[in-house]
């Protein structure tokens, strides 16, 4: 076991809905990052990623992200992943909102 200083979570997108999803301890996926399985071990994280990529499931674009555990629970370390987890940042505003 390769203990890591970095915590990781396995993420991808749901093939049917496109939603961002996270791997859980039960071997299923959730849209809630706080319910994701946090890996402290690089080899375990890599093995789980390989199983998902090699499997014929409904997960596309699977990869590992770095996370931090704190008083607010599990959060993505990188801003890109925080935005991805929160959902789209675009919305109609100004004249676009009036047309809609």
N, C-alpha and C. Protein backbone atom coordinates (compact mmCIF):
# COMPACT_ATOMS: atom_id res chain seq x y z
N UNK A 1 0.84 -1.18 0.00
CA UNK A 1 0.00 0.00 0.00
C UNK A 1 0.88 1.24 0.00
N UNK A 2 0.61 2.12 -0.92
CA UNK A 2 1.38 3.34 -1.04
C UNK A 2 0.61 4.48 -0.39
N UNK A 3 0.84 4.67 0.91
CA UNK A 3 0.16 5.74 1.63
C UNK A 3 0.53 7.08 1.00
N UNK A 4 -0.43 7.91 0.79
CA UNK A 4 -0.22 9.18 0.12
C UNK A 4 -0.51 10.34 1.07
N UNK A 5 0.17 11.45 0.86
CA UNK A 5 -0.14 12.66 1.61
C UNK A 5 -1.37 13.34 1.04
N UNK A 6 -1.76 12.93 -0.15
CA UNK A 6 -2.88 13.54 -0.86
C UNK A 6 -4.09 12.61 -0.79
N UNK A 7 -5.24 13.18 -0.51
CA UNK A 7 -6.48 12.42 -0.54
C UNK A 7 -7.08 12.56 -1.93
N UNK A 8 -7.69 11.46 -2.41
CA UNK A 8 -8.26 11.47 -3.75
C UNK A 8 -9.66 10.89 -3.76
N UNK A 9 -10.43 11.32 -4.74
CA UNK A 9 -11.78 10.82 -4.98
C UNK A 9 -11.86 10.48 -6.46
N UNK A 10 -12.58 9.40 -6.78
CA UNK A 10 -12.78 8.99 -8.17
C UNK A 10 -14.04 9.68 -8.68
N UNK A 11 -13.91 10.36 -9.81
CA UNK A 11 -15.04 11.08 -10.39
C UNK A 11 -15.17 10.76 -11.87
N UNK A 12 -16.29 11.10 -12.42
CA UNK A 12 -16.56 10.93 -13.84
C UNK A 12 -17.89 11.59 -14.15
N UNK A 13 -18.47 11.22 -15.27
CA UNK A 13 -19.78 11.73 -15.65
C UNK A 13 -20.72 10.57 -15.93
N UNK A 14 -21.97 10.74 -15.55
CA UNK A 14 -23.00 9.75 -15.82
C UNK A 14 -23.27 9.74 -17.32
N UNK A 15 -23.18 8.57 -17.93
CA UNK A 15 -23.37 8.43 -19.38
C UNK A 15 -24.75 8.89 -19.82
N UNK A 16 -25.77 8.65 -19.01
CA UNK A 16 -27.14 8.96 -19.39
C UNK A 16 -27.49 10.44 -19.20
N UNK A 17 -27.02 11.04 -18.09
CA UNK A 17 -27.43 12.40 -17.75
C UNK A 17 -26.34 13.45 -17.93
N UNK A 18 -25.10 13.01 -17.96
CA UNK A 18 -23.98 13.94 -18.05
C UNK A 18 -23.58 14.54 -16.72
N UNK A 19 -24.32 14.22 -15.67
CA UNK A 19 -24.03 14.77 -14.35
C UNK A 19 -22.67 14.31 -13.84
N UNK A 20 -22.04 15.17 -13.05
CA UNK A 20 -20.80 14.83 -12.37
C UNK A 20 -21.14 13.84 -11.26
N UNK A 21 -20.39 12.75 -11.19
CA UNK A 21 -20.65 11.72 -10.18
C UNK A 21 -19.35 11.31 -9.50
N UNK A 22 -19.50 10.75 -8.29
CA UNK A 22 -18.37 10.36 -7.46
C UNK A 22 -18.58 8.94 -6.95
N UNK A 23 -17.49 8.19 -6.90
CA UNK A 23 -17.50 6.79 -6.46
C UNK A 23 -17.68 6.72 -4.95
N UNK A 24 -18.54 5.79 -4.49
CA UNK A 24 -18.81 5.63 -3.06
C UNK A 24 -18.19 4.36 -2.52
N UNK A 25 -18.22 4.23 -1.20
CA UNK A 25 -17.69 3.05 -0.53
C UNK A 25 -18.47 1.80 -0.91
N UNK A 26 -19.72 1.96 -1.32
CA UNK A 26 -20.57 0.83 -1.69
C UNK A 26 -20.31 0.36 -3.13
N UNK A 27 -19.42 1.06 -3.85
CA UNK A 27 -19.13 0.69 -5.23
C UNK A 27 -20.13 1.27 -6.22
N UNK A 28 -20.93 2.20 -5.75
CA UNK A 28 -21.90 2.88 -6.60
C UNK A 28 -21.42 4.32 -6.82
N UNK A 29 -22.24 5.13 -7.45
CA UNK A 29 -21.89 6.52 -7.69
C UNK A 29 -22.96 7.44 -7.13
N UNK A 30 -22.54 8.62 -6.72
CA UNK A 30 -23.42 9.64 -6.18
C UNK A 30 -23.07 10.99 -6.80
N UNK A 31 -24.03 11.90 -6.82
CA UNK A 31 -23.77 13.26 -7.28
C UNK A 31 -23.26 14.14 -6.14
N UNK A 32 -23.23 13.60 -4.93
CA UNK A 32 -22.84 14.34 -3.73
C UNK A 32 -21.39 14.04 -3.35
N UNK A 33 -20.51 15.01 -3.52
CA UNK A 33 -19.09 14.81 -3.22
C UNK A 33 -18.87 14.41 -1.76
N UNK A 34 -19.69 14.90 -0.85
CA UNK A 34 -19.50 14.58 0.57
C UNK A 34 -19.76 13.10 0.88
N UNK A 35 -20.41 12.39 -0.03
CA UNK A 35 -20.68 10.96 0.16
C UNK A 35 -19.68 10.07 -0.58
N UNK A 36 -18.69 10.69 -1.20
CA UNK A 36 -17.70 9.93 -1.99
C UNK A 36 -16.70 9.23 -1.09
N UNK A 37 -16.18 8.12 -1.60
CA UNK A 37 -15.11 7.39 -0.91
C UNK A 37 -13.82 8.17 -1.11
N UNK A 38 -13.16 8.54 -0.01
CA UNK A 38 -11.89 9.27 -0.07
C UNK A 38 -10.76 8.26 0.07
N UNK A 39 -9.90 8.23 -0.93
CA UNK A 39 -8.75 7.33 -0.94
C UNK A 39 -7.53 8.03 -0.33
N UNK A 40 -6.89 7.36 0.63
CA UNK A 40 -5.63 7.84 1.20
C UNK A 40 -4.46 7.07 0.62
N UNK A 41 -4.77 6.04 -0.14
CA UNK A 41 -3.76 5.13 -0.67
C UNK A 41 -3.75 5.19 -2.19
N UNK A 42 -2.60 5.53 -2.76
CA UNK A 42 -2.50 5.68 -4.22
C UNK A 42 -2.84 4.40 -4.98
N UNK A 43 -2.37 3.26 -4.47
CA UNK A 43 -2.60 2.00 -5.20
C UNK A 43 -4.08 1.61 -5.17
N UNK A 44 -4.75 1.85 -4.06
CA UNK A 44 -6.18 1.55 -3.98
C UNK A 44 -6.98 2.47 -4.91
N UNK A 45 -6.60 3.73 -4.94
CA UNK A 45 -7.28 4.69 -5.82
C UNK A 45 -7.08 4.30 -7.28
N UNK A 46 -5.86 3.95 -7.64
CA UNK A 46 -5.55 3.55 -9.02
C UNK A 46 -6.28 2.27 -9.41
N UNK A 47 -6.37 1.32 -8.48
CA UNK A 47 -7.07 0.07 -8.75
C UNK A 47 -8.57 0.32 -8.98
N UNK A 48 -9.16 1.18 -8.17
CA UNK A 48 -10.58 1.50 -8.34
C UNK A 48 -10.81 2.19 -9.68
N UNK A 49 -9.93 3.10 -10.03
CA UNK A 49 -10.04 3.79 -11.32
C UNK A 49 -9.96 2.80 -12.47
N UNK A 50 -9.03 1.87 -12.39
CA UNK A 50 -8.87 0.86 -13.45
C UNK A 50 -10.13 0.01 -13.58
N UNK A 51 -10.72 -0.39 -12.44
CA UNK A 51 -11.96 -1.19 -12.47
C UNK A 51 -13.08 -0.44 -13.19
N UNK A 52 -13.20 0.84 -12.91
CA UNK A 52 -14.27 1.63 -13.52
C UNK A 52 -14.01 1.83 -15.01
N UNK A 53 -12.78 2.14 -15.37
CA UNK A 53 -12.44 2.34 -16.78
C UNK A 53 -12.61 1.05 -17.57
N UNK A 54 -12.20 -0.08 -16.99
CA UNK A 54 -12.30 -1.37 -17.68
C UNK A 54 -13.72 -1.93 -17.70
N UNK A 55 -14.56 -1.48 -16.79
CA UNK A 55 -15.93 -1.98 -16.71
C UNK A 55 -16.80 -1.38 -17.80
N UNK A 56 -17.93 -2.02 -18.03
CA UNK A 56 -18.87 -1.55 -19.06
C UNK A 56 -20.04 -0.86 -18.38
N UNK A 57 -19.74 0.13 -17.55
CA UNK A 57 -20.79 0.81 -16.80
C UNK A 57 -21.26 2.08 -17.46
N UNK A 58 -22.01 2.84 -16.70
CA UNK A 58 -22.57 4.09 -17.19
C UNK A 58 -21.75 5.30 -16.78
N UNK A 59 -20.43 5.09 -16.60
CA UNK A 59 -19.54 6.18 -16.20
C UNK A 59 -18.56 6.45 -17.33
N UNK A 60 -18.47 7.72 -17.72
CA UNK A 60 -17.52 8.10 -18.77
C UNK A 60 -16.54 9.14 -18.21
N UNK A 61 -15.36 9.14 -18.77
CA UNK A 61 -14.36 10.14 -18.40
C UNK A 61 -13.90 10.05 -16.96
N UNK A 62 -13.80 8.84 -16.43
CA UNK A 62 -13.41 8.67 -15.02
C UNK A 62 -11.95 9.07 -14.80
N UNK A 63 -11.71 9.73 -13.68
CA UNK A 63 -10.35 10.09 -13.26
C UNK A 63 -10.35 10.41 -11.77
N UNK A 64 -9.16 10.58 -11.22
CA UNK A 64 -9.01 10.87 -9.80
C UNK A 64 -8.77 12.36 -9.61
N UNK A 65 -9.39 12.91 -8.55
CA UNK A 65 -9.16 14.31 -8.20
C UNK A 65 -8.65 14.39 -6.77
N UNK A 66 -7.88 15.43 -6.49
CA UNK A 66 -7.41 15.66 -5.13
C UNK A 66 -8.50 16.38 -4.35
N UNK A 67 -8.67 15.96 -3.09
CA UNK A 67 -9.65 16.58 -2.21
C UNK A 67 -9.01 16.89 -0.87
N UNK A 68 -9.70 17.73 -0.11
CA UNK A 68 -9.29 18.07 1.24
C UNK A 68 -10.47 17.83 2.16
N UNK A 69 -10.20 17.29 3.33
CA UNK A 69 -11.24 17.12 4.34
C UNK A 69 -11.07 18.21 5.38
N UNK A 70 -12.15 18.90 5.68
CA UNK A 70 -12.09 19.99 6.65
C UNK A 70 -13.40 20.14 7.38
N UNK A 71 -13.57 21.27 8.00
CA UNK A 71 -14.78 21.53 8.79
C UNK A 71 -16.04 21.54 7.92
N UNK A 72 -15.88 21.82 6.63
CA UNK A 72 -17.02 21.83 5.70
C UNK A 72 -17.18 20.49 5.00
N UNK A 73 -16.46 19.48 5.45
CA UNK A 73 -16.52 18.17 4.82
C UNK A 73 -15.49 18.05 3.72
N UNK A 74 -15.74 17.16 2.79
CA UNK A 74 -14.82 16.93 1.68
C UNK A 74 -15.05 17.99 0.60
N UNK A 75 -13.96 18.60 0.15
CA UNK A 75 -14.03 19.59 -0.92
C UNK A 75 -12.91 19.34 -1.91
N UNK A 76 -13.18 19.60 -3.17
CA UNK A 76 -12.15 19.47 -4.20
C UNK A 76 -11.05 20.49 -3.93
N UNK A 77 -9.81 20.08 -4.15
CA UNK A 77 -8.67 20.95 -3.90
C UNK A 77 -8.50 22.01 -4.99
N UNK A 78 -8.79 21.64 -6.22
CA UNK A 78 -8.54 22.53 -7.35
C UNK A 78 -9.83 23.28 -7.71
N UNK A 79 -9.70 24.55 -8.05
CA UNK A 79 -10.86 25.38 -8.39
C UNK A 79 -11.66 24.80 -9.56
N UNK A 80 -10.99 24.20 -10.53
CA UNK A 80 -11.69 23.61 -11.67
C UNK A 80 -12.68 22.55 -11.19
N UNK A 81 -12.24 21.72 -10.26
CA UNK A 81 -13.11 20.65 -9.76
C UNK A 81 -14.21 21.19 -8.87
N UNK A 82 -13.96 22.27 -8.14
CA UNK A 82 -15.02 22.88 -7.34
C UNK A 82 -16.12 23.42 -8.24
N UNK A 83 -15.72 24.06 -9.34
CA UNK A 83 -16.70 24.58 -10.29
C UNK A 83 -17.45 23.43 -10.94
N UNK A 84 -16.74 22.40 -11.34
CA UNK A 84 -17.35 21.23 -11.99
C UNK A 84 -18.38 20.58 -11.06
N UNK A 85 -18.05 20.49 -9.78
CA UNK A 85 -18.94 19.88 -8.79
C UNK A 85 -20.19 20.73 -8.57
N UNK A 86 -20.04 22.05 -8.60
CA UNK A 86 -21.16 22.95 -8.35
C UNK A 86 -22.12 23.05 -9.53
N UNK A 87 -21.63 22.72 -10.72
CA UNK A 87 -22.48 22.78 -11.90
C UNK A 87 -22.15 23.95 -12.78
N UNK A 88 -22.88 24.10 -13.88
CA UNK A 88 -22.58 25.15 -14.85
C UNK A 88 -22.58 26.54 -14.22
N UNK A 89 -21.69 27.39 -14.72
CA UNK A 89 -21.62 28.76 -14.22
C UNK A 89 -22.28 29.75 -15.16
N UNK A 90 -22.79 29.24 -16.27
CA UNK A 90 -23.43 30.16 -17.22
C UNK A 90 -24.92 30.23 -16.94
N UNK A 91 -25.48 31.38 -17.18
CA UNK A 91 -26.91 31.59 -17.03
C UNK A 91 -27.31 32.79 -17.87
N UNK A 92 -28.59 32.92 -18.15
CA UNK A 92 -29.08 34.07 -18.90
C UNK A 92 -29.13 35.28 -17.99
N UNK A 93 -28.68 36.42 -18.51
CA UNK A 93 -28.75 37.67 -17.75
C UNK A 93 -28.86 38.83 -18.73
N UNK A 94 -29.27 39.98 -18.23
CA UNK A 94 -29.42 41.15 -19.09
C UNK A 94 -30.42 40.92 -20.20
N UNK A 95 -30.07 41.33 -21.42
CA UNK A 95 -30.94 41.19 -22.58
C UNK A 95 -31.27 39.73 -22.87
N UNK A 96 -30.35 38.84 -22.57
CA UNK A 96 -30.59 37.41 -22.80
C UNK A 96 -31.76 36.92 -21.95
N UNK A 97 -31.85 37.42 -20.73
CA UNK A 97 -32.93 37.02 -19.83
C UNK A 97 -34.27 37.52 -20.35
N UNK A 98 -34.31 38.72 -20.93
CA UNK A 98 -35.55 39.28 -21.45
C UNK A 98 -36.07 38.48 -22.64
N UNK A 99 -35.19 37.98 -23.47
CA UNK A 99 -35.57 37.20 -24.66
C UNK A 99 -36.10 35.84 -24.25
N UNK A 100 -35.57 35.31 -23.24
CA UNK A 100 -35.95 33.98 -22.78
C UNK A 100 -37.34 34.04 -22.28
